[in-house]
Amino acid sequence: MKDLQKLETTIGYSFKNDDLLRQAVTHRSYLNEHPEFKLGHNERLEFLGDAVLEIIVTEHLFNSYPDTPEGDLTDWRASLVNAKMLASIAQTLSVEENLFLSKGEEKDDSSKARQYILANAMEALIGAMYLDGGLEAAHTFIHRFVICHLKHILDNHLYLDPKSRFQEKAQEIFGLTPHYKVISENGPDHEKVFEVGVFLAEDLVAIGRGSSKQEAQVEAASQALTAKQWS
């Protein structure tokens, strides 16, 4: 059951034009099953919101960290605006239960596919807010729900990719550099699934799976970070 008024309360912003909010949470697939729907899907709003999000986060980093090199600021920004982070924020804001999706998309349990839908909805929501309330409304929302995560990211070095973070921890604690081995390859060439293990010396720490060796390595490193107590 959609409750867009409750969503407005959660995000701390009341839309003057309710259609903008409704469109922001409408996935393309919904229109295929509901041709009578009077609004469009959220992809144009997503396009706008992506730009608004990037400029506000960039401005904050630029002004707040005047002595930090551009490369580091780029990594920090990426950690704040990537799909995984935006999807996580969307879930805390109850965006998922207010999405207008096709029946097929609603049943799809692919976490990666849903992650991108949620991240795109977050950007669309920012775009809708910008159109409805101007830059100030978007600025307030982004600082309250996105930029607030920066301290945690910096304190825990989450701006590094999982492989870099695991290598940093492994070298710090054990004086060892992780290495990766392909354990198995399954499926036809166009749908191959790789299973990769990450090792410290001869000890297998974790296993990751992915559609490429690199993707499986990153997943293995992520699993390794959660499999051990690295504090």
C-alpha atoms as a PDB file:
ATOM      1  CA  MET A   1       0.000   0.000   0.000  1.00  0.00           C
ATOM      2  CA  LYS A   2       1.533   3.290  -1.122  1.00  0.00           C
ATOM      3  CA  ASP A   3       1.536   6.121   1.396  1.00  0.00           C
ATOM      4  CA  LEU A   4       3.207   9.097  -0.230  1.00  0.00           C
ATOM      5  CA  GLN A   5       2.131  11.453   2.545  1.00  0.00           C
ATOM      6  CA  LYS A   6       4.012   9.296   5.030  1.00  0.00           C
ATOM      7  CA  LEU A   7       6.989   9.319   2.677  1.00  0.00           C
ATOM      8  CA  GLU A   8       6.890  13.118   2.666  1.00  0.00           C
ATOM      9  CA  THR A   9       6.959  13.087   6.464  1.00  0.00           C
ATOM     10  CA  THR A  10       9.909  10.693   6.465  1.00  0.00           C
ATOM     11  CA  ILE A  11      11.987  12.757   4.035  1.00  0.00           C
ATOM     12  CA  GLY A  12      11.037  15.987   5.776  1.00  0.00           C
ATOM     13  CA  TYR A  13       9.668  17.702   2.693  1.00  0.00           C
ATOM     14  CA  SER A  14       6.093  18.402   1.599  1.00  0.00           C
ATOM     15  CA  PHE A  15       5.634  18.708  -2.159  1.00  0.00           C
ATOM     16  CA  LYS A  16       3.604  21.551  -3.586  1.00  0.00           C
ATOM     17  CA  ASN A  17       3.207  19.486  -6.752  1.00  0.00           C
ATOM     18  CA  ASP A  18       2.321  15.941  -5.714  1.00  0.00           C
ATOM     19  CA  ASP A  19       2.748  14.692  -9.273  1.00  0.00           C
ATOM     20  CA  LEU A  20       6.495  15.269  -9.032  1.00  0.00           C
ATOM     21  CA  LEU A  21       6.738  12.964  -6.029  1.00  0.00           C
ATOM     22  CA  ARG A  22       4.543  10.340  -7.668  1.00  0.00           C
ATOM     23  CA  GLN A  23       6.608  10.407 -10.854  1.00  0.00           C
ATOM     24  CA  ALA A  24       9.861  10.163  -8.879  1.00  0.00           C
ATOM     25  CA  VAL A  25       8.811   6.765  -7.502  1.00  0.00           C
ATOM     26  CA  THR A  26       7.404   5.417 -10.783  1.00  0.00           C
ATOM     27  CA  HIS A  27       9.571   2.834 -12.525  1.00  0.00           C
ATOM     28  CA  ARG A  28       9.414   2.411 -16.290  1.00  0.00           C
ATOM     29  CA  SER A  29       8.005  -1.115 -15.900  1.00  0.00           C
ATOM     30  CA  TYR A  30       4.868   0.206 -14.161  1.00  0.00           C
ATOM     31  CA  LEU A  31       3.803   2.105 -17.270  1.00  0.00           C
ATOM     32  CA  ASN A  32       3.897  -1.055 -19.374  1.00  0.00           C
ATOM     33  CA  GLU A  33       1.106  -2.521 -17.227  1.00  0.00           C
ATOM     34  CA  HIS A  34      -0.728   0.767 -16.603  1.00  0.00           C
ATOM     35  CA  PRO A  35      -1.017   2.668 -19.893  1.00  0.00           C
ATOM     36  CA  GLU A  36      -3.722   4.812 -18.287  1.00  0.00           C
ATOM     37  CA  PHE A  37      -1.177   6.268 -15.837  1.00  0.00           C
ATOM     38  CA  LYS A  38      -1.084   9.995 -16.532  1.00  0.00           C
ATOM     39  CA  LEU A  39       2.512  10.651 -15.550  1.00  0.00           C
ATOM     40  CA  GLY A  40       5.807   9.529 -17.032  1.00  0.00           C
ATOM     41  CA  HIS A  41       8.408   7.280 -15.432  1.00  0.00           C
ATOM     42  CA  ASN A  42      11.207   8.643 -13.265  1.00  0.00           C
ATOM     43  CA  GLU A  43      14.207   8.472 -15.598  1.00  0.00           C
ATOM     44  CA  ARG A  44      14.270  12.163 -16.577  1.00  0.00           C
ATOM     45  CA  LEU A  45      13.991  13.162 -12.925  1.00  0.00           C
ATOM     46  CA  GLU A  46      16.792  10.719 -12.158  1.00  0.00           C
ATOM     47  CA  PHE A  47      18.966  12.425 -14.780  1.00  0.00           C
ATOM     48  CA  LEU A  48      18.364  15.804 -13.148  1.00  0.00           C
ATOM     49  CA  GLY A  49      18.739  14.539  -9.585  1.00  0.00           C
ATOM     50  CA  ASP A  50      22.053  12.874 -10.366  1.00  0.00           C
ATOM     51  CA  ALA A  51      23.493  16.244 -11.410  1.00  0.00           C
ATOM     52  CA  VAL A  52      22.018  18.082  -8.414  1.00  0.00           C
ATOM     53  CA  LEU A  53      23.343  15.462  -5.997  1.00  0.00           C
ATOM     54  CA  GLU A  54      26.822  15.585  -7.494  1.00  0.00           C
ATOM     55  CA  ILE A  55      27.143  19.383  -7.403  1.00  0.00           C
ATOM     56  CA  ILE A  56      25.920  19.673  -3.807  1.00  0.00           C
ATOM     57  CA  VAL A  57      28.197  16.890  -2.546  1.00  0.00           C
ATOM     58  CA  THR A  58      31.112  18.288  -4.567  1.00  0.00           C
ATOM     59  CA  GLU A  59      30.594  21.799  -3.211  1.00  0.00           C
ATOM     60  CA  HIS A  60      30.472  20.487   0.366  1.00  0.00           C
ATOM     61  CA  LEU A  61      33.700  18.513  -0.038  1.00  0.00           C
ATOM     62  CA  PHE A  62      35.454  21.373  -1.820  1.00  0.00           C
ATOM     63  CA  ASN A  63      34.563  23.909   0.884  1.00  0.00           C
ATOM     64  CA  SER A  64      34.986  21.614   3.901  1.00  0.00           C
ATOM     65  CA  TYR A  65      38.333  20.039   2.976  1.00  0.00           C
ATOM     66  CA  PRO A  66      40.437  22.809   1.349  1.00  0.00           C
ATOM     67  CA  ASP A  67      43.718  20.926   1.783  1.00  0.00           C
ATOM     68  CA  THR A  68      42.545  17.549   0.436  1.00  0.00           C
ATOM     69  CA  PRO A  69      43.786  16.562  -3.046  1.00  0.00           C
ATOM     70  CA  GLU A  70      41.291  16.243  -5.885  1.00  0.00           C
ATOM     71  CA  GLY A  71      41.816  12.487  -6.178  1.00  0.00           C
ATOM     72  CA  ASP A  72      40.825  11.870  -2.570  1.00  0.00           C
ATOM     73  CA  LEU A  73      37.790  14.136  -2.871  1.00  0.00           C
ATOM     74  CA  THR A  74      36.724  12.171  -5.945  1.00  0.00           C
ATOM     75  CA  ASP A  75      36.925   8.899  -4.000  1.00  0.00           C
ATOM     76  CA  TRP A  76      34.975  10.377  -1.085  1.00  0.00           C
ATOM     77  CA  ARG A  77      32.281  11.690  -3.390  1.00  0.00           C
ATOM     78  CA  ALA A  78      31.971   8.338  -5.139  1.00  0.00           C
ATOM     79  CA  SER A  79      31.465   6.616  -1.797  1.00  0.00           C
ATOM     80  CA  LEU A  80      28.568   8.950  -1.002  1.00  0.00           C
ATOM     81  CA  VAL A  81      26.724   8.837  -4.321  1.00  0.00           C
ATOM     82  CA  ASN A  82      27.218   5.236  -5.499  1.00  0.00           C
ATOM     83  CA  ALA A  83      24.264   2.927  -6.056  1.00  0.00           C
ATOM     84  CA  LYS A  84      24.869   0.841  -2.942  1.00  0.00           C
ATOM     85  CA  MET A  85      24.880   3.879  -0.660  1.00  0.00           C
ATOM     86  CA  LEU A  86      21.852   5.510  -2.290  1.00  0.00           C
ATOM     87  CA  ALA A  87      19.882   2.253  -2.200  1.00  0.00           C
ATOM     88  CA  SER A  88      20.682   1.830   1.477  1.00  0.00           C
ATOM     89  CA  ILE A  89      19.478   5.360   2.228  1.00  0.00           C
ATOM     90  CA  ALA A  90      16.334   4.760   0.163  1.00  0.00           C
ATOM     91  CA  GLN A  91      15.531   1.706   2.275  1.00  0.00           C
ATOM     92  CA  THR A  92      15.870   3.655   5.527  1.00  0.00           C
ATOM     93  CA  LEU A  93      13.485   6.258   4.102  1.00  0.00           C
ATOM     94  CA  SER A  94      10.869   3.620   3.133  1.00  0.00           C
ATOM     95  CA  VAL A  95      11.171   4.472  -0.547  1.00  0.00           C
ATOM     96  CA  GLU A  96      10.998   0.818  -1.577  1.00  0.00           C
ATOM     97  CA  GLU A  97       7.462   0.180  -0.352  1.00  0.00           C
ATOM     98  CA  ASN A  98       6.286   3.306  -2.178  1.00  0.00           C
ATOM     99  CA  LEU A  99       7.722   2.408  -5.578  1.00  0.00           C
ATOM    100  CA  PHE A 100       5.332   1.947  -8.491  1.00  0.00           C
ATOM    101  CA  LEU A 101       6.643  -1.215 -10.150  1.00  0.00           C
ATOM    102  CA  SER A 102       5.296  -3.849 -12.511  1.00  0.00           C
ATOM    103  CA  LYS A 103       4.193  -7.096 -10.894  1.00  0.00           C
ATOM    104  CA  GLY A 104       7.285  -8.777 -12.325  1.00  0.00           C
ATOM    105  CA  GLU A 105       9.636  -6.188 -10.840  1.00  0.00           C
ATOM    106  CA  GLU A 106       7.875  -6.391  -7.478  1.00  0.00           C
ATOM    107  CA  LYS A 107       8.503 -10.150  -7.363  1.00  0.00           C
ATOM    108  CA  ASP A 108      12.090  -9.951  -8.646  1.00  0.00           C
ATOM    109  CA  ASP A 109      14.332 -10.903  -5.726  1.00  0.00           C
ATOM    110  CA  SER A 110      17.562  -9.900  -7.479  1.00  0.00           C
ATOM    111  CA  SER A 111      19.212  -7.698  -4.901  1.00  0.00           C
ATOM    112  CA  LYS A 112      21.464  -6.060  -7.487  1.00  0.00           C
ATOM    113  CA  ALA A 113      18.563  -5.132  -9.784  1.00  0.00           C
ATOM    114  CA  ARG A 114      16.531  -3.755  -6.882  1.00  0.00           C
ATOM    115  CA  GLN A 115      19.562  -1.830  -5.632  1.00  0.00           C
ATOM    116  CA  TYR A 116      19.771   0.087  -8.906  1.00  0.00           C
ATOM    117  CA  ILE A 117      16.033   0.755  -8.962  1.00  0.00           C
ATOM    118  CA  LEU A 118      16.231   2.197  -5.441  1.00  0.00           C
ATOM    119  CA  ALA A 119      19.328   4.267  -6.199  1.00  0.00           C
ATOM    120  CA  ASN A 120      17.672   5.674  -9.319  1.00  0.00           C
ATOM    121  CA  ALA A 121      14.537   6.493  -7.331  1.00  0.00           C
ATOM    122  CA  MET A 122      16.662   8.386  -4.806  1.00  0.00           C
ATOM    123  CA  GLU A 123      18.172  10.494  -7.582  1.00  0.00           C
ATOM    124  CA  ALA A 124      14.717  11.027  -9.079  1.00  0.00           C
ATOM    125  CA  LEU A 125      13.424  12.114  -5.681  1.00  0.00           C
ATOM    126  CA  ILE A 126      16.217  14.687  -5.445  1.00  0.00           C
ATOM    127  CA  GLY A 127      15.401  15.899  -8.952  1.00  0.00           C
ATOM    128  CA  ALA A 128      11.726  16.226  -8.064  1.00  0.00           C
ATOM    129  CA  MET A 129      12.583  18.106  -4.880  1.00  0.00           C
ATOM    130  CA  TYR A 130      14.813  20.470  -6.834  1.00  0.00           C
ATOM    131  CA  LEU A 131      12.022  21.256  -9.301  1.00  0.00           C
ATOM    132  CA  ASP A 132       9.445  21.675  -6.544  1.00  0.00           C
ATOM    133  CA  GLY A 133      11.417  23.585  -3.939  1.00  0.00           C
ATOM    134  CA  GLY A 134      14.576  24.773  -5.625  1.00  0.00           C
ATOM    135  CA  LEU A 135      18.200  24.205  -4.728  1.00  0.00           C
ATOM    136  CA  GLU A 136      17.600  24.944  -1.049  1.00  0.00           C
ATOM    137  CA  ALA A 137      15.148  22.036  -0.675  1.00  0.00           C
ATOM    138  CA  ALA A 138      17.535  19.618  -2.395  1.00  0.00           C
ATOM    139  CA  HIS A 139      20.476  20.971  -0.384  1.00  0.00           C
ATOM    140  CA  THR A 140      18.693  20.391   2.924  1.00  0.00           C
ATOM    141  CA  PHE A 141      17.681  16.846   1.984  1.00  0.00           C
ATOM    142  CA  ILE A 142      21.124  15.848   0.707  1.00  0.00           C
ATOM    143  CA  HIS A 143      22.899  17.179   3.782  1.00  0.00           C
ATOM    144  CA  ARG A 144      20.433  15.505   6.119  1.00  0.00           C
ATOM    145  CA  PHE A 145      20.353  12.071   4.508  1.00  0.00           C
ATOM    146  CA  VAL A 146      23.474  11.686   2.331  1.00  0.00           C
ATOM    147  CA  ILE A 147      26.343  13.873   3.482  1.00  0.00           C
ATOM    148  CA  CYS A 148      25.650  12.842   7.083  1.00  0.00           C
ATOM    149  CA  HIS A 149      27.300   9.484   6.234  1.00  0.00           C
ATOM    150  CA  LEU A 150      30.648  11.056   5.353  1.00  0.00           C
ATOM    151  CA  LYS A 151      32.192  10.843   8.830  1.00  0.00           C
ATOM    152  CA  HIS A 152      31.475   7.106   9.053  1.00  0.00           C
ATOM    153  CA  ILE A 153      32.939   6.601   5.572  1.00  0.00           C
ATOM    154  CA  LEU A 154      36.132   8.480   6.416  1.00  0.00           C
ATOM    155  CA  ASP A 155      36.555   6.948   9.873  1.00  0.00           C
ATOM    156  CA  ASN A 156      36.292   3.435   8.429  1.00  0.00           C
ATOM    157  CA  HIS A 157      38.106   4.064   5.126  1.00  0.00           C
ATOM    158  CA  LEU A 158      34.977   2.992   3.258  1.00  0.00           C
ATOM    159  CA  TYR A 159      35.949   5.217   0.336  1.00  0.00           C
ATOM    160  CA  LEU A 160      38.453   2.521  -0.586  1.00  0.00           C
ATOM    161  CA  ASP A 161      37.208  -0.399  -2.673  1.00  0.00           C
ATOM    162  CA  PRO A 162      36.831  -3.722  -0.764  1.00  0.00           C
ATOM    163  CA  LYS A 163      40.050  -5.188  -2.171  1.00  0.00           C
ATOM    164  CA  SER A 164      42.059  -2.173  -1.054  1.00  0.00           C
ATOM    165  CA  ARG A 165      40.415  -2.131   2.370  1.00  0.00           C
ATOM    166  CA  PHE A 166      41.032  -5.837   2.933  1.00  0.00           C
ATOM    167  CA  GLN A 167      44.637  -5.528   1.800  1.00  0.00           C
ATOM    168  CA  GLU A 168      45.158  -2.578   4.148  1.00  0.00           C
ATOM    169  CA  LYS A 169      43.712  -4.481   7.104  1.00  0.00           C
ATOM    170  CA  ALA A 170      45.540  -7.724   6.325  1.00  0.00           C
ATOM    171  CA  GLN A 171      48.878  -5.951   6.061  1.00  0.00           C
ATOM    172  CA  GLU A 172      48.219  -3.944   9.213  1.00  0.00           C
ATOM    173  CA  ILE A 173      47.188  -6.920  11.352  1.00  0.00           C
ATOM    174  CA  PHE A 174      49.084  -9.882   9.874  1.00  0.00           C
ATOM    175  CA  GLY A 175      51.762  -8.324   7.693  1.00  0.00           C
ATOM    176  CA  LEU A 176      50.375 -10.328   4.754  1.00  0.00           C
ATOM    177  CA  THR A 177      49.152  -9.324   1.309  1.00  0.00           C
ATOM    178  CA  PRO A 178      45.983 -11.131   0.159  1.00  0.00           C
ATOM    179  CA  HIS A 179      46.052 -13.077  -3.077  1.00  0.00           C
ATOM    180  CA  TYR A 180      43.190 -14.422  -5.170  1.00  0.00           C
ATOM    181  CA  LYS A 181      42.660 -17.759  -6.928  1.00  0.00           C
ATOM    182  CA  VAL A 182      39.890 -18.886  -9.259  1.00  0.00           C
ATOM    183  CA  ILE A 183      38.230 -21.891  -7.626  1.00  0.00           C
ATOM    184  CA  SER A 184      35.716 -22.665 -10.354  1.00  0.00           C
ATOM    185  CA  GLU A 185      34.104 -21.427 -13.560  1.00  0.00           C
ATOM    186  CA  ASN A 186      30.570 -22.479 -14.450  1.00  0.00           C
ATOM    187  CA  GLY A 187      28.069 -21.786 -17.193  1.00  0.00           C
ATOM    188  CA  PRO A 188      28.276 -20.910 -20.892  1.00  0.00           C
ATOM    189  CA  ASP A 189      30.680 -18.185 -22.065  1.00  0.00           C
ATOM    190  CA  HIS A 190      27.987 -15.505 -22.204  1.00  0.00           C
ATOM    191  CA  GLU A 191      26.694 -16.331 -18.683  1.00  0.00           C
ATOM    192  CA  LYS A 192      29.795 -17.570 -16.935  1.00  0.00           C
ATOM    193  CA  VAL A 193      29.964 -17.442 -13.136  1.00  0.00           C
ATOM    194  CA  PHE A 194      33.373 -17.279 -11.489  1.00  0.00           C
ATOM    195  CA  GLU A 195      34.059 -18.454  -7.954  1.00  0.00           C
ATOM    196  CA  VAL A 196      37.193 -16.860  -6.494  1.00  0.00           C
ATOM    197  CA  GLY A 197      38.870 -17.393  -3.148  1.00  0.00           C
ATOM    198  CA  VAL A 198      40.897 -14.791  -1.274  1.00  0.00           C
ATOM    199  CA  PHE A 199      43.836 -16.199   0.690  1.00  0.00           C
ATOM    200  CA  LEU A 200      46.251 -15.032   3.350  1.00  0.00           C
ATOM    201  CA  ALA A 201      49.332 -17.166   2.801  1.00  0.00           C
ATOM    202  CA  GLU A 202      47.763 -20.641   2.339  1.00  0.00           C
ATOM    203  CA  ASP A 203      44.627 -19.925   4.372  1.00  0.00           C
ATOM    204  CA  LEU A 204      41.345 -19.433   2.523  1.00  0.00           C
ATOM    205  CA  VAL A 205      39.591 -16.457   4.117  1.00  0.00           C
ATOM    206  CA  ALA A 206      36.470 -16.051   1.963  1.00  0.00           C
ATOM    207  CA  ILE A 207      34.884 -16.887  -1.385  1.00  0.00           C
ATOM    208  CA  GLY A 208      33.182 -14.546  -3.828  1.00  0.00           C
ATOM    209  CA  ARG A 209      31.126 -15.118  -6.963  1.00  0.00           C
ATOM    210  CA  GLY A 210      30.566 -12.907  -9.969  1.00  0.00           C
ATOM    211  CA  SER A 211      30.138 -12.698 -13.718  1.00  0.00           C
ATOM    212  CA  SER A 212      33.812 -11.735 -14.078  1.00  0.00           C
ATOM    213  CA  LYS A 213      36.982 -12.581 -12.174  1.00  0.00           C
ATOM    214  CA  GLN A 214      37.253  -8.974 -10.992  1.00  0.00           C
ATOM    215  CA  GLU A 215      33.670  -8.928  -9.723  1.00  0.00           C
ATOM    216  CA  ALA A 216      34.243 -12.218  -7.884  1.00  0.00           C
ATOM    217  CA  GLN A 217      37.446 -10.870  -6.330  1.00  0.00           C
ATOM    218  CA  VAL A 218      35.665  -7.769  -5.059  1.00  0.00           C
ATOM    219  CA  GLU A 219      32.896  -9.925  -3.598  1.00  0.00           C
ATOM    220  CA  ALA A 220      35.465 -12.208  -1.952  1.00  0.00           C
ATOM    221  CA  ALA A 221      37.179  -9.204  -0.373  1.00  0.00           C
ATOM    222  CA  SER A 222      33.819  -7.901   0.869  1.00  0.00           C
ATOM    223  CA  GLN A 223      33.053 -11.274   2.410  1.00  0.00           C
ATOM    224  CA  ALA A 224      36.506 -11.373   3.990  1.00  0.00           C
ATOM    225  CA  LEU A 225      35.933  -8.002   5.636  1.00  0.00           C
ATOM    226  CA  THR A 226      32.763  -9.316   7.290  1.00  0.00           C
ATOM    227  CA  ALA A 227      34.133 -12.793   8.022  1.00  0.00           C
ATOM    228  CA  LYS A 228      36.875 -11.491  10.325  1.00  0.00           C
ATOM    229  CA  GLN A 229      36.934  -9.032  13.181  1.00  0.00           C
ATOM    230  CA  TRP A 230      39.266  -6.407  11.765  1.00  0.00           C
ATOM    231  CA  SER A 231      39.047  -3.895  14.580  1.00  0.00           C
END
